[in-house]
Amino acid sequence: MKTELILASESSIRGKILTNANINFKSVPAKIDEESIKKSCLIENIKLEQISNILADYKAKKISSKYPGVMVIGCDQTLIFKNELLSKTKNRTDVFNRLQSMNNNEHTLFSSAVIYQDNIPIWSTTTKAILKMRNNNDNYLNEYIDRNYNQIVRSTGCYMIEGEGIRLFKKIEGDYFTILGIPLLPILDFLCIRGEI
């Protein structure tokens, strides 16, 4: 990297993906009130597919204002199920109810990245994945939750596709990195075009 790069996130998955791609960066978490921003977007009738971009923009802008000259990547992901924007679960009952409701149904993930430099947005993208769950029985869902609870309770979809969560699914349309919450290929393409990598 010719220009210093910051990932405005404390996500270990996003960080690992950039590290595996041999991208030099540092993580600086952007503490924003995601739920309040989502609520405001819904009140203002903003299209559901645009909300991940708005959240990513908030993160990148917040960190960029503190680091002049540095490129800052903000990323976010939203899950849309039955035309509703879902939020993260809080406990085991929520996790089970979320998985049971999405069972044998499709849901959509939107993953966005926004890059700021000197407090100005210079690039953004949003990618989409559609996932169809199998008809998993309640016994398996309970066993799955028992084995994976500490990891999946922090995930809006309550699954980790990079682990046992892949077994919950029948069909996936979209790339792996979109599902993990970072549109990596478009980011790499942008950095290549800029001559950064």
Protein backbone atom coordinates (compact mmCIF):
# COMPACT_ATOMS: atom_id res chain seq x y z
CA MET A 1 0.00 0.00 0.00
CA LYS A 2 1.38 3.39 -1.03
CA THR A 3 -1.23 5.27 1.01
CA GLU A 4 -1.90 4.30 4.61
CA LEU A 5 -5.14 2.34 4.94
CA ILE A 6 -7.50 2.07 7.91
CA LEU A 7 -10.36 -0.37 8.30
CA ALA A 8 -13.02 1.42 10.34
CA SER A 9 -14.06 -1.76 12.07
CA GLU A 10 -13.18 -4.12 14.88
CA SER A 11 -14.56 -7.11 12.96
CA SER A 12 -12.03 -9.93 13.21
CA ILE A 13 -13.49 -11.56 10.06
CA ARG A 14 -13.13 -8.44 7.90
CA GLY A 15 -9.63 -7.88 9.24
CA LYS A 16 -8.61 -11.47 8.56
CA ILE A 17 -9.93 -11.27 4.99
CA LEU A 18 -7.82 -8.17 4.25
CA THR A 19 -4.79 -9.73 5.95
CA ASN A 20 -5.18 -12.92 3.91
CA ALA A 21 -5.25 -10.78 0.76
CA ASN A 22 -1.89 -9.29 1.86
CA ILE A 23 -3.32 -5.79 2.35
CA ASN A 24 -1.48 -3.65 4.90
CA PHE A 25 -3.91 -1.78 7.13
CA LYS A 26 -4.74 -1.01 10.71
CA SER A 27 -8.11 -1.36 12.41
CA VAL A 28 -9.70 1.62 14.12
CA PRO A 29 -13.21 0.82 15.37
CA ALA A 30 -15.86 3.38 14.45
CA LYS A 31 -18.33 3.49 17.31
CA ILE A 32 -21.64 4.52 15.76
CA ASP A 33 -25.19 3.93 16.92
CA GLU A 34 -26.23 1.54 14.17
CA GLU A 35 -29.72 0.92 15.52
CA SER A 36 -30.55 4.64 15.66
CA ILE A 37 -29.26 5.13 12.12
CA LYS A 38 -31.33 2.17 10.89
CA LYS A 39 -34.44 3.53 12.60
CA SER A 40 -33.91 6.95 11.03
CA CYS A 41 -33.50 5.35 7.59
CA LEU A 42 -36.75 3.43 8.02
CA ILE A 43 -38.62 6.55 9.20
CA GLU A 44 -37.32 8.41 6.12
CA ASN A 45 -38.44 5.52 3.86
CA ILE A 46 -34.94 4.94 2.53
CA LYS A 47 -34.78 1.78 0.42
CA LEU A 48 -33.67 -1.24 2.45
CA GLU A 49 -30.90 -2.07 -0.03
CA GLN A 50 -29.30 1.36 0.58
CA ILE A 51 -29.01 1.15 4.37
CA SER A 52 -25.79 -0.90 4.47
CA ASN A 53 -24.12 1.81 2.37
CA ILE A 54 -25.33 4.54 4.71
CA LEU A 55 -23.95 2.68 7.73
CA ALA A 56 -20.61 2.06 5.99
CA ASP A 57 -20.45 5.74 5.07
CA TYR A 58 -21.00 6.83 8.70
CA LYS A 59 -18.12 4.60 9.82
CA ALA A 60 -15.64 5.72 7.18
CA LYS A 61 -16.49 9.41 7.62
CA LYS A 62 -16.13 9.29 11.39
CA ILE A 63 -12.63 7.82 11.26
CA SER A 64 -11.49 9.83 8.23
CA SER A 65 -12.05 13.10 10.09
CA LYS A 66 -9.32 12.04 12.55
CA TYR A 67 -6.74 10.75 10.06
CA PRO A 68 -5.85 13.25 7.29
CA GLY A 69 -4.32 11.80 4.13
CA VAL A 70 -5.25 8.22 5.06
CA MET A 71 -7.71 6.08 3.10
CA VAL A 72 -10.44 4.76 5.40
CA ILE A 73 -12.67 1.81 4.53
CA GLY A 74 -16.04 1.61 6.23
CA CYS A 75 -17.98 -1.64 5.82
CA ASP A 76 -21.40 -2.76 6.87
CA GLN A 77 -23.93 -5.44 6.09
CA THR A 78 -27.70 -5.67 6.37
CA LEU A 79 -29.98 -8.68 6.31
CA ILE A 80 -33.40 -8.38 4.68
CA PHE A 81 -35.98 -11.07 5.37
CA LYS A 82 -39.57 -10.87 4.11
CA ASN A 83 -39.02 -7.20 3.26
CA GLU A 84 -37.90 -6.42 6.83
CA LEU A 85 -34.53 -5.18 8.05
CA LEU A 86 -33.35 -7.49 10.84
CA SER A 87 -31.12 -6.52 13.77
CA LYS A 88 -28.70 -8.58 15.85
CA THR A 89 -30.08 -11.06 18.36
CA LYS A 90 -29.59 -10.74 22.12
CA ASN A 91 -30.01 -14.22 23.60
CA ARG A 92 -30.46 -17.92 22.88
CA THR A 93 -34.24 -17.66 22.47
CA ASP A 94 -33.76 -14.89 19.90
CA VAL A 95 -31.19 -17.01 18.05
CA PHE A 96 -33.49 -20.03 17.87
CA ASN A 97 -36.48 -17.94 16.79
CA ARG A 98 -34.39 -16.20 14.10
CA LEU A 99 -33.10 -19.48 12.65
CA GLN A 100 -36.52 -21.12 12.84
CA SER A 101 -38.21 -18.20 11.08
CA MET A 102 -35.63 -18.15 8.26
CA ASN A 103 -35.71 -21.94 7.98
CA ASN A 104 -36.74 -23.16 4.50
CA ASN A 105 -36.90 -19.51 3.35
CA GLU A 106 -34.76 -17.06 1.39
CA HIS A 107 -33.12 -13.96 2.79
CA THR A 108 -30.90 -11.29 1.24
CA LEU A 109 -27.61 -9.82 2.44
CA PHE A 110 -26.31 -6.45 1.28
CA SER A 111 -22.64 -5.72 2.00
CA SER A 112 -21.27 -2.23 1.44
CA ALA A 113 -17.88 -0.57 1.51
CA VAL A 114 -17.24 3.16 1.42
CA ILE A 115 -13.75 4.67 1.18
CA TYR A 116 -13.00 8.17 2.47
CA GLN A 117 -9.85 10.24 2.20
CA ASP A 118 -9.44 13.64 3.85
CA ASN A 119 -13.06 13.46 4.99
CA ILE A 120 -14.33 13.10 1.41
CA PRO A 121 -15.97 9.95 0.00
CA ILE A 122 -13.89 8.74 -2.95
CA TRP A 123 -15.49 5.36 -3.70
CA SER A 124 -18.32 3.05 -2.66
CA THR A 125 -19.95 -0.21 -3.64
CA THR A 126 -22.71 -2.54 -2.50
CA THR A 127 -22.90 -6.24 -3.29
CA LYS A 128 -25.78 -8.64 -2.81
CA ALA A 129 -26.20 -12.31 -1.88
CA ILE A 130 -29.38 -14.38 -1.71
CA LEU A 131 -29.37 -17.38 0.62
CA LYS A 132 -31.95 -20.18 0.86
CA MET A 133 -31.97 -22.26 4.02
CA ARG A 134 -32.69 -25.96 4.12
CA ASN A 135 -35.69 -27.27 6.01
CA ASN A 136 -33.65 -27.91 9.16
CA ASN A 137 -35.48 -29.65 12.00
CA ASP A 138 -35.70 -28.10 15.45
CA ASN A 139 -33.44 -30.76 17.00
CA TYR A 140 -30.62 -29.89 14.62
CA LEU A 141 -31.15 -26.15 15.13
CA ASN A 142 -30.90 -26.58 18.90
CA GLU A 143 -27.76 -28.72 18.60
CA TYR A 144 -26.25 -26.22 16.18
CA ILE A 145 -26.94 -23.36 18.59
CA ASP A 146 -25.45 -25.33 21.52
CA ARG A 147 -22.21 -25.87 19.59
CA ASN A 148 -21.91 -22.37 18.12
CA TYR A 149 -23.82 -19.98 20.40
CA ASN A 150 -20.95 -17.68 21.42
CA GLN A 151 -20.06 -16.99 17.79
CA ILE A 152 -23.50 -16.77 16.20
CA VAL A 153 -25.29 -14.65 18.81
CA ARG A 154 -23.30 -11.64 17.48
CA SER A 155 -24.44 -12.30 13.91
CA THR A 156 -27.67 -10.92 12.52
CA GLY A 157 -28.35 -14.13 10.63
CA CYS A 158 -27.20 -16.30 13.55
CA TYR A 159 -24.92 -18.39 11.38
CA MET A 160 -21.28 -18.38 10.39
CA ILE A 161 -21.07 -19.48 6.79
CA GLU A 162 -17.33 -20.07 7.20
CA GLY A 163 -18.07 -22.73 9.84
CA GLU A 164 -20.84 -25.20 10.54
CA GLY A 165 -23.39 -22.61 9.45
CA ILE A 166 -22.87 -23.66 5.84
CA ARG A 167 -24.84 -26.82 6.63
CA LEU A 168 -27.99 -24.75 7.21
CA PHE A 169 -28.16 -23.77 3.54
CA LYS A 170 -29.58 -25.31 0.40
CA LYS A 171 -28.64 -22.61 -2.11
CA ILE A 172 -26.51 -19.48 -2.23
CA GLU A 173 -26.35 -16.81 -4.95
CA GLY A 174 -23.56 -14.29 -4.52
CA ASP A 175 -19.93 -14.34 -3.52
CA TYR A 176 -18.41 -15.60 -0.29
CA PHE A 177 -17.04 -12.21 0.78
CA THR A 178 -20.43 -10.52 0.46
CA ILE A 179 -21.77 -13.08 2.91
CA LEU A 180 -18.89 -12.35 5.30
CA GLY A 181 -19.69 -8.63 5.21
CA ILE A 182 -16.95 -7.15 3.04
CA PRO A 183 -17.15 -6.74 -0.77
CA LEU A 184 -13.51 -7.71 -1.16
CA LEU A 185 -13.20 -8.10 -4.93
CA PRO A 186 -14.49 -4.59 -5.75
CA ILE A 187 -12.25 -3.15 -3.00
CA LEU A 188 -9.19 -4.88 -4.45
CA ASP A 189 -10.15 -3.72 -7.94
CA PHE A 190 -10.37 -0.10 -6.72
CA LEU A 191 -7.00 -0.31 -4.96
CA CYS A 192 -5.42 -1.81 -8.10
CA ILE A 193 -6.83 0.93 -10.34
CA ARG A 194 -5.50 3.55 -7.90
CA GLY A 195 -2.07 1.91 -8.02
CA GLU A 196 -2.14 1.19 -4.30
CA ILE A 197 -1.53 -2.56 -4.69
